[in-house]
Amino acid sequence: MKPETIDRIRKFTEDRDWDQFHSPSNIAKSIVIEAAELLECFQWNNEEYDLQHVKEELADVIVYSQNMLDKLGLDVDEIVNMKMSQNEAKYPVEKAKGKSDKYTEL
Protein backbone atom coordinates (compact mmCIF):
# COMPACT_ATOMS: atom_id res chain seq x y z
CA MET A 1 0.00 0.00 0.00
CA LYS A 2 1.25 3.49 -0.75
CA PRO A 3 2.50 5.48 2.27
CA GLU A 4 -0.05 8.23 1.67
CA THR A 5 -2.87 5.68 1.83
CA ILE A 6 -1.54 4.29 5.10
CA ASP A 7 -1.25 7.82 6.46
CA ARG A 8 -4.84 8.51 5.43
CA ILE A 9 -6.06 5.43 7.32
CA ARG A 10 -4.08 6.46 10.39
CA LYS A 11 -5.36 10.05 10.24
CA PHE A 12 -8.96 8.86 9.91
CA THR A 13 -8.61 6.86 13.12
CA GLU A 14 -6.63 9.56 14.93
CA ASP A 15 -9.03 12.39 14.01
CA ARG A 16 -11.91 10.43 15.51
CA ASP A 17 -10.00 9.26 18.60
CA TRP A 18 -10.89 5.66 17.76
CA ASP A 19 -7.58 4.08 18.70
CA GLN A 20 -8.98 3.64 22.21
CA PHE A 21 -11.40 1.08 20.75
CA HIS A 22 -8.81 -0.69 18.61
CA SER A 23 -7.67 -3.51 20.83
CA PRO A 24 -6.22 -6.43 18.87
CA SER A 25 -9.29 -8.54 19.67
CA ASN A 26 -11.71 -5.81 18.54
CA ILE A 27 -9.81 -5.32 15.30
CA ALA A 28 -9.70 -9.09 14.70
CA LYS A 29 -13.47 -9.24 15.20
CA SER A 30 -13.93 -6.36 12.78
CA ILE A 31 -11.77 -8.07 10.14
CA VAL A 32 -13.90 -11.22 10.40
CA ILE A 33 -17.14 -9.24 10.25
CA GLU A 34 -16.00 -7.33 7.16
CA ALA A 35 -14.72 -10.55 5.54
CA ALA A 36 -18.16 -12.07 6.09
CA GLU A 37 -19.72 -9.04 4.42
CA LEU A 38 -17.33 -9.57 1.50
CA LEU A 39 -18.42 -13.20 1.27
CA GLU A 40 -22.05 -12.10 1.34
CA CYS A 41 -21.46 -10.37 -2.02
CA PHE A 42 -21.18 -13.85 -3.55
CA GLN A 43 -23.83 -15.58 -1.43
CA TRP A 44 -26.31 -16.49 -4.15
CA ASN A 45 -24.37 -16.15 -7.37
CA ASN A 46 -20.72 -16.76 -8.18
CA GLU A 47 -20.81 -15.02 -11.57
CA GLU A 48 -23.05 -12.02 -11.02
CA TYR A 49 -22.08 -9.68 -8.22
CA ASP A 50 -21.87 -5.97 -7.54
CA LEU A 51 -18.20 -5.12 -8.09
CA GLN A 52 -18.56 -1.78 -6.29
CA HIS A 53 -19.89 -3.54 -3.20
CA VAL A 54 -17.05 -6.08 -3.39
CA LYS A 55 -14.51 -3.24 -3.54
CA GLU A 56 -16.08 -1.51 -0.53
CA GLU A 57 -16.07 -4.65 1.63
CA LEU A 58 -12.55 -5.63 0.54
CA ALA A 59 -11.37 -2.10 1.40
CA ASP A 60 -12.89 -2.47 4.88
CA VAL A 61 -10.90 -5.69 5.41
CA ILE A 62 -7.72 -3.97 4.24
CA VAL A 63 -8.27 -0.89 6.43
CA TYR A 64 -8.84 -3.01 9.53
CA SER A 65 -5.80 -5.10 8.61
CA GLN A 66 -3.69 -1.94 8.49
CA ASN A 67 -5.11 -0.97 11.88
CA MET A 68 -4.02 -4.36 13.23
CA LEU A 69 -0.53 -3.94 11.77
CA ASP A 70 -0.26 -0.56 13.50
CA LYS A 71 -1.65 -1.79 16.80
CA LEU A 72 0.82 -4.68 16.94
CA GLY A 73 3.75 -2.75 15.46
CA LEU A 74 4.09 -5.16 12.54
CA ASP A 75 5.54 -4.64 9.07
CA VAL A 76 3.32 -5.96 6.28
CA ASP A 77 6.21 -6.92 3.99
CA GLU A 78 7.97 -8.78 6.76
CA ILE A 79 4.99 -10.85 7.84
CA VAL A 80 3.77 -11.57 4.29
CA ASN A 81 7.23 -12.74 3.24
CA MET A 82 7.52 -14.86 6.39
CA LYS A 83 4.19 -16.52 5.59
CA MET A 84 5.05 -16.96 1.90
CA SER A 85 8.25 -18.79 2.92
CA GLN A 86 6.17 -21.10 5.10
CA ASN A 87 3.66 -21.66 2.28
CA GLU A 88 6.43 -22.37 -0.25
CA ALA A 89 7.84 -25.03 2.10
CA LYS A 90 4.40 -26.59 2.70
CA TYR A 91 3.37 -26.49 -0.95
CA PRO A 92 6.40 -27.25 -3.14
CA VAL A 93 5.66 -26.67 -6.82
CA GLU A 94 6.52 -30.24 -7.80
CA LYS A 95 3.86 -31.60 -5.41
CA ALA A 96 1.22 -28.88 -5.38
CA LYS A 97 1.03 -27.56 -8.94
CA GLY A 98 -2.53 -27.79 -10.26
CA LYS A 99 -3.84 -29.32 -7.01
CA SER A 100 -5.98 -27.89 -4.26
CA ASP A 101 -5.11 -30.54 -1.69
CA LYS A 102 -4.08 -29.51 1.81
CA TYR A 103 -0.32 -29.77 2.38
CA THR A 104 -0.81 -32.81 4.63
CA GLU A 105 -2.41 -34.62 1.69
CA LEU A 106 0.26 -33.92 -0.95
PDB file of N, CA and C in Angstrom:
ATOM      1  N   MET A   1       0.849  -1.168   0.000  1.00  0.00           N
ATOM      2  CA  MET A   1       0.000   0.000   0.000  1.00  0.00           C
ATOM      3  C   MET A   1       0.899   1.237   0.000  1.00  0.00           C
ATOM      4  N   LYS A   2       0.473   2.256  -0.668  1.00  0.00           N
ATOM      5  CA  LYS A   2       1.245   3.486  -0.747  1.00  0.00           C
ATOM      6  C   LYS A   2       1.283   4.168   0.632  1.00  0.00           C
ATOM      7  N   PRO A   3       2.392   4.799   0.965  1.00  0.00           N
ATOM      8  CA  PRO A   3       2.503   5.477   2.271  1.00  0.00           C
ATOM      9  C   PRO A   3       1.398   6.505   2.513  1.00  0.00           C
ATOM     10  N   GLU A   4       0.988   7.222   1.462  1.00  0.00           N
ATOM     11  CA  GLU A   4      -0.055   8.228   1.667  1.00  0.00           C
ATOM     12  C   GLU A   4      -1.412   7.590   1.990  1.00  0.00           C
ATOM     13  N   THR A   5      -1.631   6.393   1.498  1.00  0.00           N
ATOM     14  CA  THR A   5      -2.870   5.678   1.829  1.00  0.00           C
ATOM     15  C   THR A   5      -2.838   5.220   3.279  1.00  0.00           C
ATOM     16  N   ILE A   6      -1.704   4.703   3.703  1.00  0.00           N
ATOM     17  CA  ILE A   6      -1.541   4.287   5.101  1.00  0.00           C
ATOM     18  C   ILE A   6      -1.708   5.493   6.018  1.00  0.00           C
ATOM     19  N   ASP A   7      -1.106   6.607   5.654  1.00  0.00           N
ATOM     20  CA  ASP A   7      -1.251   7.824   6.457  1.00  0.00           C
ATOM     21  C   ASP A   7      -2.703   8.274   6.530  1.00  0.00           C
ATOM     22  N   ARG A   8      -3.428   8.120   5.442  1.00  0.00           N
ATOM     23  CA  ARG A   8      -4.840   8.513   5.428  1.00  0.00           C
ATOM     24  C   ARG A   8      -5.655   7.637   6.381  1.00  0.00           C
ATOM     25  N   ILE A   9      -5.375   6.339   6.393  1.00  0.00           N
ATOM     26  CA  ILE A   9      -6.059   5.425   7.316  1.00  0.00           C
ATOM     27  C   ILE A   9      -5.757   5.827   8.756  1.00  0.00           C
ATOM     28  N   ARG A  10      -4.482   6.079   9.036  1.00  0.00           N
ATOM     29  CA  ARG A  10      -4.077   6.458  10.393  1.00  0.00           C
ATOM     30  C   ARG A  10      -4.727   7.774  10.817  1.00  0.00           C
ATOM     31  N   LYS A  11      -4.765   8.747   9.921  1.00  0.00           N
ATOM     32  CA  LYS A  11      -5.359  10.051  10.238  1.00  0.00           C
ATOM     33  C   LYS A  11      -6.855   9.912  10.493  1.00  0.00           C
ATOM     34  N   PHE A  12      -7.520   9.092   9.719  1.00  0.00           N
ATOM     35  CA  PHE A  12      -8.957   8.863   9.913  1.00  0.00           C
ATOM     36  C   PHE A  12      -9.227   8.385  11.337  1.00  0.00           C
ATOM     37  N   THR A  13      -8.444   7.408  11.770  1.00  0.00           N
ATOM     38  CA  THR A  13      -8.605   6.857  13.124  1.00  0.00           C
ATOM     39  C   THR A  13      -8.230   7.891  14.184  1.00  0.00           C
ATOM     40  N   GLU A  14      -7.115   8.569  13.965  1.00  0.00           N
ATOM     41  CA  GLU A  14      -6.633   9.561  14.930  1.00  0.00           C
ATOM     42  C   GLU A  14      -7.609  10.722  15.082  1.00  0.00           C
ATOM     43  N   ASP A  15      -8.113  11.249  13.967  1.00  0.00           N
ATOM     44  CA  ASP A  15      -9.035  12.391  14.009  1.00  0.00           C
ATOM     45  C   ASP A  15     -10.296  12.080  14.798  1.00  0.00           C
ATOM     46  N   ARG A  16     -10.682  10.834  14.826  1.00  0.00           N
ATOM     47  CA  ARG A  16     -11.912  10.434  15.510  1.00  0.00           C
ATOM     48  C   ARG A  16     -11.656   9.870  16.913  1.00  0.00           C
ATOM     49  N   ASP A  17     -10.392   9.804  17.302  1.00  0.00           N
ATOM     50  CA  ASP A  17      -9.997   9.261  18.601  1.00  0.00           C
ATOM     51  C   ASP A  17     -10.525   7.838  18.780  1.00  0.00           C
ATOM     52  N   TRP A  18     -10.382   7.033  17.733  1.00  0.00           N
ATOM     53  CA  TRP A  18     -10.892   5.665  17.764  1.00  0.00           C
ATOM     54  C   TRP A  18      -9.854   4.641  18.190  1.00  0.00           C
ATOM     55  N   ASP A  19      -8.597   5.046  18.315  1.00  0.00           N
ATOM     56  CA  ASP A  19      -7.575   4.078  18.703  1.00  0.00           C
ATOM     57  C   ASP A  19      -7.909   3.432  20.047  1.00  0.00           C
ATOM     58  N   GLN A  20      -8.593   4.174  20.900  1.00  0.00           N
ATOM     59  CA  GLN A  20      -8.977   3.639  22.207  1.00  0.00           C
ATOM     60  C   GLN A  20      -9.861   2.391  22.088  1.00  0.00           C
ATOM     61  N   PHE A  21     -10.521   2.231  20.965  1.00  0.00           N
ATOM     62  CA  PHE A  21     -11.401   1.081  20.752  1.00  0.00           C
ATOM     63  C   PHE A  21     -10.714  -0.040  19.976  1.00  0.00           C
ATOM     64  N   HIS A  22      -9.498   0.243  19.506  1.00  0.00           N
ATOM     65  CA  HIS A  22      -8.811  -0.688  18.612  1.00  0.00           C
ATOM     66  C   HIS A  22      -7.881  -1.633  19.356  1.00  0.00           C
ATOM     67  N   SER A  23      -8.455  -2.431  20.220  1.00  0.00           N
ATOM     68  CA  SER A  23      -7.673  -3.509  20.825  1.00  0.00           C
ATOM     69  C   SER A  23      -7.464  -4.575  19.749  1.00  0.00           C
ATOM     70  N   PRO A  24      -6.409  -5.373  19.862  1.00  0.00           N
ATOM     71  CA  PRO A  24      -6.220  -6.432  18.865  1.00  0.00           C
ATOM     72  C   PRO A  24      -7.454  -7.318  18.698  1.00  0.00           C
ATOM     73  N   SER A  25      -8.113  -7.656  19.803  1.00  0.00           N
ATOM     74  CA  SER A  25      -9.287  -8.535  19.669  1.00  0.00           C
ATOM     75  C   SER A  25     -10.441  -7.822  18.968  1.00  0.00           C
ATOM     76  N   ASN A  26     -10.642  -6.541  19.233  1.00  0.00           N
ATOM     77  CA  ASN A  26     -11.710  -5.811  18.543  1.00  0.00           C
ATOM     78  C   ASN A  26     -11.412  -5.682  17.053  1.00  0.00           C
ATOM     79  N   ILE A  27     -10.157  -5.425  16.722  1.00  0.00           N
ATOM     80  CA  ILE A  27      -9.806  -5.322  15.304  1.00  0.00           C
ATOM     81  C   ILE A  27      -9.967  -6.676  14.616  1.00  0.00           C
ATOM     82  N   ALA A  28      -9.541  -7.748  15.278  1.00  0.00           N
ATOM     83  CA  ALA A  28      -9.697  -9.090  14.695  1.00  0.00           C
ATOM     84  C   ALA A  28     -11.172  -9.396  14.449  1.00  0.00           C
ATOM     85  N   LYS A  29     -12.022  -9.039  15.387  1.00  0.00           N
ATOM     86  CA  LYS A  29     -13.468  -9.243  15.204  1.00  0.00           C
ATOM     87  C   LYS A  29     -13.963  -8.447  14.004  1.00  0.00           C
ATOM     88  N   SER A  30     -13.497  -7.217  13.883  1.00  0.00           N
ATOM     89  CA  SER A  30     -13.928  -6.364  12.778  1.00  0.00           C
ATOM     90  C   SER A  30     -13.471  -6.919  11.430  1.00  0.00           C
ATOM     91  N   ILE A  31     -12.256  -7.460  11.391  1.00  0.00           N
ATOM     92  CA  ILE A  31     -11.770  -8.071  10.143  1.00  0.00           C
ATOM     93  C   ILE A  31     -12.677  -9.229   9.738  1.00  0.00           C
ATOM     94  N   VAL A  32     -13.035 -10.066  10.689  1.00  0.00           N
ATOM     95  CA  VAL A  32     -13.896 -11.215  10.399  1.00  0.00           C
ATOM     96  C   VAL A  32     -15.284 -10.750   9.955  1.00  0.00           C
ATOM     97  N   ILE A  33     -15.818  -9.758  10.614  1.00  0.00           N
ATOM     98  CA  ILE A  33     -17.136  -9.237  10.248  1.00  0.00           C
ATOM     99  C   ILE A  33     -17.115  -8.693   8.824  1.00  0.00           C
ATOM    100  N   GLU A  34     -16.095  -7.907   8.506  1.00  0.00           N
ATOM    101  CA  GLU A  34     -16.003  -7.334   7.156  1.00  0.00           C
ATOM    102  C   GLU A  34     -15.744  -8.417   6.119  1.00  0.00           C
ATOM    103  N   ALA A  35     -14.952  -9.430   6.467  1.00  0.00           N
ATOM    104  CA  ALA A  35     -14.717 -10.546   5.539  1.00  0.00           C
ATOM    105  C   ALA A  35     -16.016 -11.297   5.273  1.00  0.00           C
ATOM    106  N   ALA A  36     -16.860 -11.430   6.283  1.00  0.00           N
ATOM    107  CA  ALA A  36     -18.159 -12.075   6.094  1.00  0.00           C
ATOM    108  C   ALA A  36     -19.040 -11.233   5.167  1.00  0.00           C
ATOM    109  N   GLU A  37     -18.959  -9.911   5.309  1.00  0.00           N
ATOM    110  CA  GLU A  37     -19.724  -9.037   4.417  1.00  0.00           C
ATOM    111  C   GLU A  37     -19.199  -9.142   2.982  1.00  0.00           C
ATOM    112  N   LEU A  38     -17.902  -9.325   2.826  1.00  0.00           N
ATOM    113  CA  LEU A  38     -17.328  -9.565   1.497  1.00  0.00           C
ATOM    114  C   LEU A  38     -17.868 -10.874   0.916  1.00  0.00           C
ATOM    115  N   LEU A  39     -17.895 -11.912   1.712  1.00  0.00           N
ATOM    116  CA  LEU A  39     -18.424 -13.196   1.267  1.00  0.00           C
ATOM    117  C   LEU A  39     -19.896 -13.102   0.893  1.00  0.00           C
ATOM    118  N   GLU A  40     -20.622 -12.273   1.616  1.00  0.00           N
ATOM    119  CA  GLU A  40     -22.046 -12.099   1.341  1.00  0.00           C
ATOM    120  C   GLU A  40     -22.285 -11.587  -0.090  1.00  0.00           C
ATOM    121  N   CYS A  41     -21.318 -10.870  -0.641  1.00  0.00           N
ATOM    122  CA  CYS A  41     -21.455 -10.371  -2.021  1.00  0.00           C
ATOM    123  C   CYS A  41     -21.617 -11.511  -3.022  1.00  0.00           C
ATOM    124  N   PHE A  42     -21.151 -12.684  -2.660  1.00  0.00           N
ATOM    125  CA  PHE A  42     -21.181 -13.851  -3.554  1.00  0.00           C
ATOM    126  C   PHE A  42     -22.147 -14.931  -3.061  1.00  0.00           C
ATOM    127  N   GLN A  43     -22.990 -14.588  -2.107  1.00  0.00           N
ATOM    128  CA  GLN A  43     -23.825 -15.577  -1.435  1.00  0.00           C
ATOM    129  C   GLN A  43     -24.703 -16.395  -2.377  1.00  0.00           C
ATOM    130  N   TRP A  44     -25.342 -15.765  -3.326  1.00  0.00           N
ATOM    131  CA  TRP A  44     -26.313 -16.487  -4.146  1.00  0.00           C
ATOM    132  C   TRP A  44     -25.891 -16.658  -5.591  1.00  0.00           C
ATOM    133  N   ASN A  45     -24.776 -16.054  -5.970  1.00  0.00           N
ATOM    134  CA  ASN A  45     -24.374 -16.154  -7.366  1.00  0.00           C
ATOM    135  C   ASN A  45     -22.870 -15.913  -7.483  1.00  0.00           C
ATOM    136  N   ASN A  46     -22.171 -16.872  -8.039  1.00  0.00           N
ATOM    137  CA  ASN A  46     -20.718 -16.763  -8.180  1.00  0.00           C
ATOM    138  C   ASN A  46     -20.297 -15.916  -9.373  1.00  0.00           C
ATOM    139  N   GLU A  47     -21.170 -15.743 -10.351  1.00  0.00           N
ATOM    140  CA  GLU A  47     -20.809 -15.025 -11.568  1.00  0.00           C
ATOM    141  C   GLU A  47     -21.322 -13.590 -11.592  1.00  0.00           C
ATOM    142  N   GLU A  48     -22.458 -13.356 -11.001  1.00  0.00           N
ATOM    143  CA  GLU A  48     -23.052 -12.022 -11.023  1.00  0.00           C
ATOM    144  C   GLU A  48     -22.988 -11.422  -9.625  1.00  0.00           C
ATOM    145  N   TYR A  49     -22.224 -10.354  -9.506  1.00  0.00           N
ATOM    146  CA  TYR A  49     -22.080  -9.678  -8.220  1.00  0.00           C
ATOM    147  C   TYR A  49     -21.835  -8.201  -8.474  1.00  0.00           C
ATOM    148  N   ASP A  50     -22.050  -7.411  -7.465  1.00  0.00           N
ATOM    149  CA  ASP A  50     -21.873  -5.966  -7.538  1.00  0.00           C
ATOM    150  C   ASP A  50     -20.416  -5.649  -7.225  1.00  0.00           C
ATOM    151  N   LEU A  51     -19.631  -5.360  -8.259  1.00  0.00           N
ATOM    152  CA  LEU A  51     -18.201  -5.119  -8.087  1.00  0.00           C
ATOM    153  C   LEU A  51     -17.933  -3.949  -7.139  1.00  0.00           C
ATOM    154  N   GLN A  52     -18.750  -2.916  -7.195  1.00  0.00           N
ATOM    155  CA  GLN A  52     -18.559  -1.779  -6.293  1.00  0.00           C
ATOM    156  C   GLN A  52     -18.703  -2.222  -4.842  1.00  0.00           C
ATOM    157  N   HIS A  53     -19.693  -3.040  -4.563  1.00  0.00           N
ATOM    158  CA  HIS A  53     -19.891  -3.542  -3.198  1.00  0.00           C
ATOM    159  C   HIS A  53     -18.718  -4.421  -2.772  1.00  0.00           C
ATOM    160  N   VAL A  54     -18.228  -5.251  -3.677  1.00  0.00           N
ATOM    161  CA  VAL A  54     -17.053  -6.084  -3.395  1.00  0.00           C
ATOM    162  C   VAL A  54     -15.869  -5.191  -3.027  1.00  0.00           C
ATOM    163  N   LYS A  55     -15.634  -4.144  -3.814  1.00  0.00           N
ATOM    164  CA  LYS A  55     -14.513  -3.239  -3.542  1.00  0.00           C
ATOM    165  C   LYS A  55     -14.649  -2.583  -2.171  1.00  0.00           C
ATOM    166  N   GLU A  56     -15.859  -2.175  -1.818  1.00  0.00           N
ATOM    167  CA  GLU A  56     -16.082  -1.514  -0.527  1.00  0.00           C
ATOM    168  C   GLU A  56     -15.794  -2.460   0.636  1.00  0.00           C
ATOM    169  N   GLU A  57     -16.280  -3.695   0.542  1.00  0.00           N
ATOM    170  CA  GLU A  57     -16.071  -4.649   1.628  1.00  0.00           C
ATOM    171  C   GLU A  57     -14.607  -5.088   1.711  1.00  0.00           C
ATOM    172  N   LEU A  58     -13.971  -5.282   0.554  1.00  0.00           N
ATOM    173  CA  LEU A  58     -12.555  -5.629   0.538  1.00  0.00           C
ATOM    174  C   LEU A  58     -11.724  -4.493   1.138  1.00  0.00           C
ATOM    175  N   ALA A  59     -12.067  -3.258   0.818  1.00  0.00           N
ATOM    176  CA  ALA A  59     -11.370  -2.101   1.396  1.00  0.00           C
ATOM    177  C   ALA A  59     -11.512  -2.087   2.916  1.00  0.00           C
ATOM    178  N   ASP A  60     -12.697  -2.418   3.428  1.00  0.00           N
ATOM    179  CA  ASP A  60     -12.886  -2.471   4.881  1.00  0.00           C
ATOM    180  C   ASP A  60     -11.949  -3.492   5.521  1.00  0.00           C
ATOM    181  N   VAL A  61     -11.810  -4.657   4.890  1.00  0.00           N
ATOM    182  CA  VAL A  61     -10.898  -5.687   5.406  1.00  0.00           C
ATOM    183  C   VAL A  61      -9.461  -5.155   5.417  1.00  0.00           C
ATOM    184  N   ILE A  62      -9.082  -4.485   4.353  1.00  0.00           N
ATOM    185  CA  ILE A  62      -7.720  -3.968   4.243  1.00  0.00           C
ATOM    186  C   ILE A  62      -7.466  -2.866   5.269  1.00  0.00           C
ATOM    187  N   VAL A  63      -8.429  -1.975   5.454  1.00  0.00           N
ATOM    188  CA  VAL A  63      -8.272  -0.892   6.433  1.00  0.00           C
ATOM    189  C   VAL A  63      -8.114  -1.468   7.834  1.00  0.00           C
ATOM    190  N   TYR A  64      -8.967  -2.400   8.196  1.00  0.00           N
ATOM    191  CA  TYR A  64      -8.835  -3.010   9.529  1.00  0.00           C
ATOM    192  C   TYR A  64      -7.531  -3.793   9.649  1.00  0.00           C
ATOM    193  N   SER A  65      -7.082  -4.392   8.567  1.00  0.00           N
ATOM    194  CA  SER A  65      -5.801  -5.103   8.606  1.00  0.00           C
ATOM    195  C   SER A  65      -4.653  -4.128   8.855  1.00  0.00           C
ATOM    196  N   GLN A  66      -4.710  -2.961   8.237  1.00  0.00           N
ATOM    197  CA  GLN A  66      -3.685  -1.942   8.493  1.00  0.00           C
ATOM    198  C   GLN A  66      -3.754  -1.474   9.945  1.00  0.00           C
ATOM    199  N   ASN A  67      -4.963  -1.335  10.469  1.00  0.00           N
ATOM    200  CA  ASN A  67      -5.114  -0.968  11.876  1.00  0.00           C
ATOM    201  C   ASN A  67      -4.465  -2.014  12.784  1.00  0.00           C
ATOM    202  N   MET A  68      -4.621  -3.282  12.434  1.00  0.00           N
ATOM    203  CA  MET A  68      -4.018  -4.357  13.229  1.00  0.00           C
ATOM    204  C   MET A  68      -2.493  -4.303  13.135  1.00  0.00           C
ATOM    205  N   LEU A  69      -1.973  -4.081  11.934  1.00  0.00           N
ATOM    206  CA  LEU A  69      -0.529  -3.938  11.772  1.00  0.00           C
ATOM    207  C   LEU A  69      -0.003  -2.830  12.680  1.00  0.00           C
ATOM    208  N   ASP A  70      -0.679  -1.691  12.671  1.00  0.00           N
ATOM    209  CA  ASP A  70      -0.263  -0.564  13.498  1.00  0.00           C
ATOM    210  C   ASP A  70      -0.345  -0.896  14.984  1.00  0.00           C
ATOM    211  N   LYS A  71      -1.443  -1.487  15.378  1.00  0.00           N
ATOM    212  CA  LYS A  71      -1.654  -1.788  16.797  1.00  0.00           C
ATOM    213  C   LYS A  71      -0.572  -2.727  17.325  1.00  0.00           C
ATOM    214  N   LEU A  72      -0.158  -3.689  16.499  1.00  0.00           N
ATOM    215  CA  LEU A  72       0.825  -4.677  16.943  1.00  0.00           C
ATOM    216  C   LEU A  72       2.255  -4.316  16.543  1.00  0.00           C
ATOM    217  N   GLY A  73       2.422  -3.183  15.868  1.00  0.00           N
ATOM    218  CA  GLY A  73       3.752  -2.754  15.462  1.00  0.00           C
ATOM    219  C   GLY A  73       4.407  -3.696  14.459  1.00  0.00           C
ATOM    220  N   LEU A  74       3.611  -4.193  13.522  1.00  0.00           N
ATOM    221  CA  LEU A  74       4.094  -5.156  12.537  1.00  0.00           C
ATOM    222  C   LEU A  74       4.333  -4.503  11.186  1.00  0.00           C
ATOM    223  N   ASP A  75       5.239  -5.091  10.423  1.00  0.00           N
ATOM    224  CA  ASP A  75       5.538  -4.635   9.073  1.00  0.00           C
ATOM    225  C   ASP A  75       4.907  -5.609   8.083  1.00  0.00           C
ATOM    226  N   VAL A  76       4.067  -5.106   7.199  1.00  0.00           N
ATOM    227  CA  VAL A  76       3.319  -5.962   6.281  1.00  0.00           C
ATOM    228  C   VAL A  76       4.244  -6.780   5.388  1.00  0.00           C
ATOM    229  N   ASP A  77       5.301  -6.174   4.861  1.00  0.00           N
ATOM    230  CA  ASP A  77       6.207  -6.920   3.988  1.00  0.00           C
ATOM    231  C   ASP A  77       6.895  -8.049   4.747  1.00  0.00           C
ATOM    232  N   GLU A  78       7.291  -7.761   5.955  1.00  0.00           N
ATOM    233  CA  GLU A  78       7.974  -8.781   6.757  1.00  0.00           C
ATOM    234  C   GLU A  78       7.074  -9.976   7.036  1.00  0.00           C
ATOM    235  N   ILE A  79       5.839  -9.717   7.471  1.00  0.00           N
ATOM    236  CA  ILE A  79       4.986 -10.851   7.839  1.00  0.00           C
ATOM    237  C   ILE A  79       4.464 -11.597   6.615  1.00  0.00           C
ATOM    238  N   VAL A  80       4.222 -10.886   5.509  1.00  0.00           N
ATOM    239  CA  VAL A  80       3.774 -11.568   4.290  1.00  0.00           C
ATOM    240  C   VAL A  80       4.901 -12.450   3.749  1.00  0.00           C
ATOM    241  N   ASN A  81       6.115 -11.932   3.726  1.00  0.00           N
ATOM    242  CA  ASN A  81       7.232 -12.736   3.240  1.00  0.00           C
ATOM    243  C   ASN A  81       7.523 -13.920   4.151  1.00  0.00           C
ATOM    244  N   MET A  82       7.369 -13.752   5.461  1.00  0.00           N
ATOM    245  CA  MET A  82       7.517 -14.863   6.391  1.00  0.00           C
ATOM    246  C   MET A  82       6.501 -15.962   6.081  1.00  0.00           C
ATOM    247  N   LYS A  83       5.245 -15.552   5.874  1.00  0.00           N
ATOM    248  CA  LYS A  83       4.185 -16.517   5.587  1.00  0.00           C
ATOM    249  C   LYS A  83       4.372 -17.154   4.219  1.00  0.00           C
ATOM    250  N   MET A  84       4.815 -16.392   3.228  1.00  0.00           N
ATOM    251  CA  MET A  84       5.054 -16.961   1.903  1.00  0.00           C
ATOM    252  C   MET A  84       6.164 -18.011   1.959  1.00  0.00           C
ATOM    253  N   SER A  85       7.189 -17.782   2.761  1.00  0.00           N
ATOM    254  CA  SER A  85       8.254 -18.786   2.921  1.00  0.00           C
ATOM    255  C   SER A  85       7.684 -20.068   3.521  1.00  0.00           C
ATOM    256  N   GLN A  86       6.813 -19.930   4.502  1.00  0.00           N
ATOM    257  CA  GLN A  86       6.169 -21.105   5.100  1.00  0.00           C
ATOM    258  C   GLN A  86       5.308 -21.826   4.061  1.00  0.00           C
ATOM    259  N   ASN A  87       4.537 -21.062   3.300  1.00  0.00           N
ATOM    260  CA  ASN A  87       3.665 -21.656   2.279  1.00  0.00           C
ATOM    261  C   ASN A  87       4.469 -22.369   1.196  1.00  0.00           C
ATOM    262  N   GLU A  88       5.590 -21.762   0.780  1.00  0.00           N
ATOM    263  CA  GLU A  88       6.433 -22.374  -0.245  1.00  0.00           C
ATOM    264  C   GLU A  88       7.011 -23.698   0.247  1.00  0.00           C
ATOM    265  N   ALA A  89       7.323 -23.772   1.534  1.00  0.00           N
ATOM    266  CA  ALA A  89       7.836 -25.025   2.098  1.00  0.00           C
ATOM    267  C   ALA A  89       6.730 -26.078   2.202  1.00  0.00           C
ATOM    268  N   LYS A  90       5.526 -25.656   2.569  1.00  0.00           N
ATOM    269  CA  LYS A  90       4.404 -26.590   2.699  1.00  0.00           C
ATOM    270  C   LYS A  90       3.884 -27.082   1.357  1.00  0.00           C
ATOM    271  N   TYR A  91       3.946 -26.205   0.358  1.00  0.00           N
ATOM    272  CA  TYR A  91       3.372 -26.495  -0.950  1.00  0.00           C
ATOM    273  C   TYR A  91       4.430 -26.386  -2.046  1.00  0.00           C
ATOM    274  N   PRO A  92       5.391 -27.322  -2.079  1.00  0.00           N
ATOM    275  CA  PRO A  92       6.404 -27.255  -3.137  1.00  0.00           C
ATOM    276  C   PRO A  92       5.744 -27.418  -4.509  1.00  0.00           C
ATOM    277  N   VAL A  93       6.247 -26.679  -5.473  1.00  0.00           N
ATOM    278  CA  VAL A  93       5.660 -26.665  -6.815  1.00  0.00           C
ATOM    279  C   VAL A  93       5.513 -28.084  -7.363  1.00  0.00           C
ATOM    280  N   GLU A  94       6.552 -28.896  -7.204  1.00  0.00           N
ATOM    281  CA  GLU A  94       6.520 -30.244  -7.798  1.00  0.00           C
ATOM    282  C   GLU A  94       5.428 -31.134  -7.209  1.00  0.00           C
ATOM    283  N   LYS A  95       4.935 -30.812  -6.007  1.00  0.00           N
ATOM    284  CA  LYS A  95       3.855 -31.602  -5.407  1.00  0.00           C
ATOM    285  C   LYS A  95       2.495 -30.925  -5.518  1.00  0.00           C
ATOM    286  N   ALA A  96       2.479 -29.599  -5.513  1.00  0.00           N
ATOM    287  CA  ALA A  96       1.217 -28.882  -5.380  1.00  0.00           C
ATOM    288  C   ALA A  96       0.669 -28.294  -6.678  1.00  0.00           C
ATOM    289  N   LYS A  97       1.471 -28.238  -7.719  1.00  0.00           N
ATOM    290  CA  LYS A  97       1.031 -27.565  -8.942  1.00  0.00           C
ATOM    291  C   LYS A  97      -0.246 -28.191  -9.500  1.00  0.00           C
ATOM    292  N   GLY A  98      -1.258 -27.345  -9.678  1.00  0.00           N
ATOM    293  CA  GLY A  98      -2.527 -27.794 -10.257  1.00  0.00           C
ATOM    294  C   GLY A  98      -3.418 -28.546  -9.294  1.00  0.00           C
ATOM    295  N   LYS A  99      -3.044 -28.591  -8.006  1.00  0.00           N
ATOM    296  CA  LYS A  99      -3.835 -29.325  -7.011  1.00  0.00           C
ATOM    297  C   LYS A  99      -4.323 -28.374  -5.940  1.00  0.00           C
ATOM    298  N   SER A 100      -5.447 -28.709  -5.358  1.00  0.00           N
ATOM    299  CA  SER A 100      -5.983 -27.894  -4.259  1.00  0.00           C
ATOM    300  C   SER A 100      -5.928 -28.637  -2.930  1.00  0.00           C
ATOM    301  N   ASP A 101      -5.204 -29.736  -2.905  1.00  0.00           N
ATOM    302  CA  ASP A 101      -5.108 -30.541  -1.688  1.00  0.00           C
ATOM    303  C   ASP A 101      -4.399 -29.766  -0.579  1.00  0.00           C
ATOM    304  N   LYS A 102      -4.781 -30.063   0.658  1.00  0.00           N
ATOM    305  CA  LYS A 102      -4.076 -29.515   1.814  1.00  0.00           C
ATOM    306  C   LYS A 102      -2.667 -30.090   1.839  1.00  0.00           C
ATOM    307  N   TYR A 103      -1.724 -29.337   2.391  1.00  0.00           N
ATOM    308  CA  TYR A 103      -0.322 -29.766   2.380  1.00  0.00           C
ATOM    309  C   TYR A 103      -0.109 -31.128   3.018  1.00  0.00           C
ATOM    310  N   THR A 104      -0.944 -31.500   3.975  1.00  0.00           N
ATOM    311  CA  THR A 104      -0.805 -32.805   4.630  1.00  0.00           C
ATOM    312  C   THR A 104      -1.249 -33.945   3.719  1.00  0.00           C
ATOM    313  N   GLU A 105      -1.900 -33.632   2.615  1.00  0.00           N
ATOM    314  CA  GLU A 105      -2.410 -34.621   1.686  1.00  0.00           C
ATOM    315  C   GLU A 105      -1.586 -34.730   0.407  1.00  0.00           C
ATOM    316  N   LEU A 106      -0.555 -33.900   0.286  1.00  0.00           N
ATOM    317  CA  LEU A 106       0.257 -33.917  -0.946  1.00  0.00           C
ATOM    318  C   LEU A 106       1.209 -35.089  -0.965  1.00  0.00           C
TER     319      LEU A 106
END
